[in-house]
PDB file of N, CA and C in Angstrom:
ATOM      1  N   MET A   1       2.502 -61.963   7.792  1.00  0.00           N
ATOM      2  CA  MET A   1       2.138 -62.060   9.155  1.00  0.00           C
ATOM      3  C   MET A   1       3.416 -62.410   9.927  1.00  0.00           C
ATOM      4  N   THR A   2       3.555 -61.830  11.121  1.00  0.00           N
ATOM      5  CA  THR A   2       4.736 -62.137  11.909  1.00  0.00           C
ATOM      6  C   THR A   2       4.589 -63.463  12.652  1.00  0.00           C
ATOM      7  N   SER A   3       5.637 -63.927  13.270  1.00  0.00           N
ATOM      8  CA  SER A   3       5.585 -65.197  13.994  1.00  0.00           C
ATOM      9  C   SER A   3       4.625 -65.141  15.191  1.00  0.00           C
ATOM     10  N   SER A   4       4.342 -63.923  15.673  1.00  0.00           N
ATOM     11  CA  SER A   4       3.415 -63.768  16.820  1.00  0.00           C
ATOM     12  C   SER A   4       1.975 -63.694  16.326  1.00  0.00           C
ATOM     13  N   GLY A   5       1.760 -63.804  15.022  1.00  0.00           N
ATOM     14  CA  GLY A   5       0.395 -63.754  14.456  1.00  0.00           C
ATOM     15  C   GLY A   5      -0.113 -62.390  14.164  1.00  0.00           C
ATOM     16  N   GLU A   6       0.721 -61.351  14.287  1.00  0.00           N
ATOM     17  CA  GLU A   6       0.323 -59.991  14.003  1.00  0.00           C
ATOM     18  C   GLU A   6       0.646 -59.648  12.543  1.00  0.00           C
ATOM     19  N   TYR A   7      -0.077 -58.702  11.995  1.00  0.00           N
ATOM     20  CA  TYR A   7       0.202 -58.254  10.653  1.00  0.00           C
ATOM     21  C   TYR A   7       1.253 -57.154  10.681  1.00  0.00           C
ATOM     22  N   THR A   8       2.069 -57.090   9.678  1.00  0.00           N
ATOM     23  CA  THR A   8       3.070 -56.014   9.569  1.00  0.00           C
ATOM     24  C   THR A   8       2.387 -54.738   9.037  1.00  0.00           C
ATOM     25  N   VAL A   9       3.066 -53.646   9.178  1.00  0.00           N
ATOM     26  CA  VAL A   9       2.579 -52.363   8.666  1.00  0.00           C
ATOM     27  C   VAL A   9       2.385 -52.481   7.156  1.00  0.00           C
ATOM     28  N   SER A  10       3.332 -53.083   6.465  1.00  0.00           N
ATOM     29  CA  SER A  10       3.225 -53.240   5.032  1.00  0.00           C
ATOM     30  C   SER A  10       2.007 -54.036   4.617  1.00  0.00           C
ATOM     31  N   GLU A  11       1.735 -55.121   5.307  1.00  0.00           N
ATOM     32  CA  GLU A  11       0.550 -55.957   5.001  1.00  0.00           C
ATOM     33  C   GLU A  11      -0.747 -55.203   5.262  1.00  0.00           C
ATOM     34  N   THR A  12      -0.775 -54.478   6.421  1.00  0.00           N
ATOM     35  CA  THR A  12      -1.971 -53.746   6.773  1.00  0.00           C
ATOM     36  C   THR A  12      -2.232 -52.595   5.783  1.00  0.00           C
ATOM     37  N   ALA A  13      -1.181 -51.886   5.436  1.00  0.00           N
ATOM     38  CA  ALA A  13      -1.328 -50.777   4.491  1.00  0.00           C
ATOM     39  C   ALA A  13      -1.781 -51.301   3.132  1.00  0.00           C
ATOM     40  N   ARG A  14      -1.198 -52.417   2.680  1.00  0.00           N
ATOM     41  CA  ARG A  14      -1.568 -52.989   1.403  1.00  0.00           C
ATOM     42  C   ARG A  14      -3.047 -53.356   1.403  1.00  0.00           C
ATOM     43  N   ALA A  15      -3.508 -53.965   2.509  1.00  0.00           N
ATOM     44  CA  ALA A  15      -4.925 -54.359   2.619  1.00  0.00           C
ATOM     45  C   ALA A  15      -5.846 -53.160   2.610  1.00  0.00           C
ATOM     46  N   ALA A  16      -5.364 -52.020   3.143  1.00  0.00           N
ATOM     47  CA  ALA A  16      -6.168 -50.792   3.174  1.00  0.00           C
ATOM     48  C   ALA A  16      -6.047 -50.012   1.900  1.00  0.00           C
ATOM     49  N   GLY A  17      -5.135 -50.448   1.022  1.00  0.00           N
ATOM     50  CA  GLY A  17      -4.994 -49.755  -0.262  1.00  0.00           C
ATOM     51  C   GLY A  17      -4.201 -48.456  -0.167  1.00  0.00           C
ATOM     52  N   ILE A  18      -3.315 -48.333   0.833  1.00  0.00           N
ATOM     53  CA  ILE A  18      -2.526 -47.126   0.992  1.00  0.00           C
ATOM     54  C   ILE A  18      -1.061 -47.507   1.105  1.00  0.00           C
ATOM     55  N   SER A  19      -0.180 -46.563   0.963  1.00  0.00           N
ATOM     56  CA  SER A  19       1.242 -46.809   1.069  1.00  0.00           C
ATOM     57  C   SER A  19       1.657 -46.755   2.509  1.00  0.00           C
ATOM     58  N   ARG A  20       2.841 -47.375   2.804  1.00  0.00           N
ATOM     59  CA  ARG A  20       3.377 -47.291   4.169  1.00  0.00           C
ATOM     60  C   ARG A  20       3.628 -45.840   4.529  1.00  0.00           C
ATOM     61  N   GLN A  21       4.116 -45.060   3.557  1.00  0.00           N
ATOM     62  CA  GLN A  21       4.406 -43.647   3.821  1.00  0.00           C
ATOM     63  C   GLN A  21       3.148 -42.902   4.225  1.00  0.00           C
ATOM     64  N   ALA A  22       2.025 -43.178   3.552  1.00  0.00           N
ATOM     65  CA  ALA A  22       0.794 -42.524   3.885  1.00  0.00           C
ATOM     66  C   ALA A  22       0.342 -42.888   5.291  1.00  0.00           C
ATOM     67  N   TYR A  23       0.525 -44.151   5.654  1.00  0.00           N
ATOM     68  CA  TYR A  23       0.182 -44.599   7.022  1.00  0.00           C
ATOM     69  C   TYR A  23       0.991 -43.833   8.046  1.00  0.00           C
ATOM     70  N   TYR A  24       2.321 -43.768   7.862  1.00  0.00           N
ATOM     71  CA  TYR A  24       3.164 -43.103   8.826  1.00  0.00           C
ATOM     72  C   TYR A  24       2.882 -41.587   8.876  1.00  0.00           C
ATOM     73  N   LYS A  25       2.551 -41.011   7.735  1.00  0.00           N
ATOM     74  CA  LYS A  25       2.201 -39.577   7.699  1.00  0.00           C
ATOM     75  C   LYS A  25       0.933 -39.367   8.542  1.00  0.00           C
ATOM     76  N   TRP A  26      -0.060 -40.247   8.379  1.00  0.00           N
ATOM     77  CA  TRP A  26      -1.305 -40.158   9.147  1.00  0.00           C
ATOM     78  C   TRP A  26      -1.015 -40.366  10.612  1.00  0.00           C
ATOM     79  N   LEU A  27      -0.189 -41.357  10.937  1.00  0.00           N
ATOM     80  CA  LEU A  27       0.111 -41.708  12.315  1.00  0.00           C
ATOM     81  C   LEU A  27       0.734 -40.528  13.076  1.00  0.00           C
ATOM     82  N   ASN A  28       1.599 -39.790  12.383  1.00  0.00           N
ATOM     83  CA  ASN A  28       2.356 -38.701  13.029  1.00  0.00           C
ATOM     84  C   ASN A  28       1.759 -37.325  12.817  1.00  0.00           C
ATOM     85  N   ARG A  29       0.532 -37.254  12.274  1.00  0.00           N
ATOM     86  CA  ARG A  29      -0.128 -35.993  11.989  1.00  0.00           C
ATOM     87  C   ARG A  29      -0.518 -35.260  13.295  1.00  0.00           C
ATOM     88  N   ARG A  30      -0.751 -33.998  13.181  1.00  0.00           N
ATOM     89  CA  ARG A  30      -1.282 -33.210  14.268  1.00  0.00           C
ATOM     90  C   ARG A  30      -2.811 -33.288  14.201  1.00  0.00           C
ATOM     91  N   LEU A  31      -3.464 -33.410  15.322  1.00  0.00           N
ATOM     92  CA  LEU A  31      -4.892 -33.458  15.350  1.00  0.00           C
ATOM     93  C   LEU A  31      -5.459 -32.068  15.075  1.00  0.00           C
ATOM     94  N   SER A  32      -6.559 -32.007  14.364  1.00  0.00           N
ATOM     95  CA  SER A  32      -7.225 -30.725  14.130  1.00  0.00           C
ATOM     96  C   SER A  32      -7.912 -30.282  15.444  1.00  0.00           C
ATOM     97  N   LEU A  33      -8.275 -29.022  15.528  1.00  0.00           N
ATOM     98  CA  LEU A  33      -8.949 -28.502  16.690  1.00  0.00           C
ATOM     99  C   LEU A  33     -10.206 -29.317  16.955  1.00  0.00           C
ATOM    100  N   ARG A  34     -10.959 -29.641  15.943  1.00  0.00           N
ATOM    101  CA  ARG A  34     -12.191 -30.400  16.081  1.00  0.00           C
ATOM    102  C   ARG A  34     -11.910 -31.794  16.659  1.00  0.00           C
ATOM    103  N   GLU A  35     -10.864 -32.455  16.122  1.00  0.00           N
ATOM    104  CA  GLU A  35     -10.531 -33.788  16.649  1.00  0.00           C
ATOM    105  C   GLU A  35     -10.090 -33.737  18.110  1.00  0.00           C
ATOM    106  N   GLN A  36      -9.343 -32.654  18.493  1.00  0.00           N
ATOM    107  CA  GLN A  36      -8.947 -32.477  19.875  1.00  0.00           C
ATOM    108  C   GLN A  36     -10.200 -32.296  20.756  1.00  0.00           C
ATOM    109  N   GLN A  37     -11.141 -31.495  20.322  1.00  0.00           N
ATOM    110  CA  GLN A  37     -12.352 -31.252  21.089  1.00  0.00           C
ATOM    111  C   GLN A  37     -13.176 -32.549  21.195  1.00  0.00           C
ATOM    112  N   GLU A  38     -13.270 -33.290  20.116  1.00  0.00           N
ATOM    113  CA  GLU A  38     -14.010 -34.556  20.157  1.00  0.00           C
ATOM    114  C   GLU A  38     -13.376 -35.539  21.156  1.00  0.00           C
ATOM    115  N   ARG A  39     -12.082 -35.609  21.205  1.00  0.00           N
ATOM    116  CA  ARG A  39     -11.384 -36.471  22.179  1.00  0.00           C
ATOM    117  C   ARG A  39     -11.705 -36.009  23.593  1.00  0.00           C
ATOM    118  N   GLU A  40     -11.669 -34.706  23.831  1.00  0.00           N
ATOM    119  CA  GLU A  40     -11.955 -34.195  25.144  1.00  0.00           C
ATOM    120  C   GLU A  40     -13.390 -34.534  25.570  1.00  0.00           C
ATOM    121  N   VAL A  41     -14.349 -34.374  24.663  1.00  0.00           N
ATOM    122  CA  VAL A  41     -15.729 -34.722  24.978  1.00  0.00           C
ATOM    123  C   VAL A  41     -15.856 -36.218  25.276  1.00  0.00           C
ATOM    124  N   LEU A  42     -15.216 -37.030  24.482  1.00  0.00           N
ATOM    125  CA  LEU A  42     -15.271 -38.471  24.703  1.00  0.00           C
ATOM    126  C   LEU A  42     -14.674 -38.836  26.053  1.00  0.00           C
ATOM    127  N   GLU A  43     -13.556 -38.252  26.433  1.00  0.00           N
ATOM    128  CA  GLU A  43     -12.939 -38.511  27.717  1.00  0.00           C
ATOM    129  C   GLU A  43     -13.863 -38.093  28.839  1.00  0.00           C
ATOM    130  N   GLU A  44     -14.526 -36.967  28.707  1.00  0.00           N
ATOM    131  CA  GLU A  44     -15.501 -36.501  29.729  1.00  0.00           C
ATOM    132  C   GLU A  44     -16.663 -37.480  29.847  1.00  0.00           C
ATOM    133  N   ILE A  45     -17.166 -37.952  28.723  1.00  0.00           N
ATOM    134  CA  ILE A  45     -18.243 -38.931  28.717  1.00  0.00           C
ATOM    135  C   ILE A  45     -17.801 -40.189  29.492  1.00  0.00           C
ATOM    136  N   LYS A  46     -16.586 -40.630  29.224  1.00  0.00           N
ATOM    137  CA  LYS A  46     -16.055 -41.826  29.917  1.00  0.00           C
ATOM    138  C   LYS A  46     -15.964 -41.597  31.411  1.00  0.00           C
ATOM    139  N   ARG A  47     -15.483 -40.406  31.825  1.00  0.00           N
ATOM    140  CA  ARG A  47     -15.384 -40.117  33.248  1.00  0.00           C
ATOM    141  C   ARG A  47     -16.741 -40.112  33.889  1.00  0.00           C
ATOM    142  N   ILE A  48     -17.704 -39.489  33.257  1.00  0.00           N
ATOM    143  CA  ILE A  48     -19.082 -39.444  33.817  1.00  0.00           C
ATOM    144  C   ILE A  48     -19.658 -40.835  33.918  1.00  0.00           C
ATOM    145  N   GLU A  49     -19.485 -41.645  32.864  1.00  0.00           N
ATOM    146  CA  GLU A  49     -19.965 -42.984  32.852  1.00  0.00           C
ATOM    147  C   GLU A  49     -19.357 -43.831  33.986  1.00  0.00           C
ATOM    148  N   LYS A  50     -18.101 -43.656  34.199  1.00  0.00           N
ATOM    149  CA  LYS A  50     -17.382 -44.405  35.254  1.00  0.00           C
ATOM    150  C   LYS A  50     -17.904 -44.046  36.651  1.00  0.00           C
ATOM    151  N   ARG A  51     -18.274 -42.781  36.842  1.00  0.00           N
ATOM    152  CA  ARG A  51     -18.770 -42.351  38.145  1.00  0.00           C
ATOM    153  C   ARG A  51     -20.189 -42.869  38.438  1.00  0.00           C
ATOM    154  N   HIS A  52     -20.920 -43.181  37.383  1.00  0.00           N
ATOM    155  CA  HIS A  52     -22.335 -43.620  37.569  1.00  0.00           C
ATOM    156  C   HIS A  52     -22.476 -44.985  37.246  1.00  0.00           C
TER     157      HIS A  52
END
């Protein structure tokens, strides 16, 4: 844990049972078409909710 009370990437990855490399690969991946569409739908839901 860092002095600010946050966990490091290494500690978080270890707790999740993955390597740091796997985490960074996931972090920098391209979203699939389905994931992009799901994000768009979620953003639209948020916009509608905010208006009402």
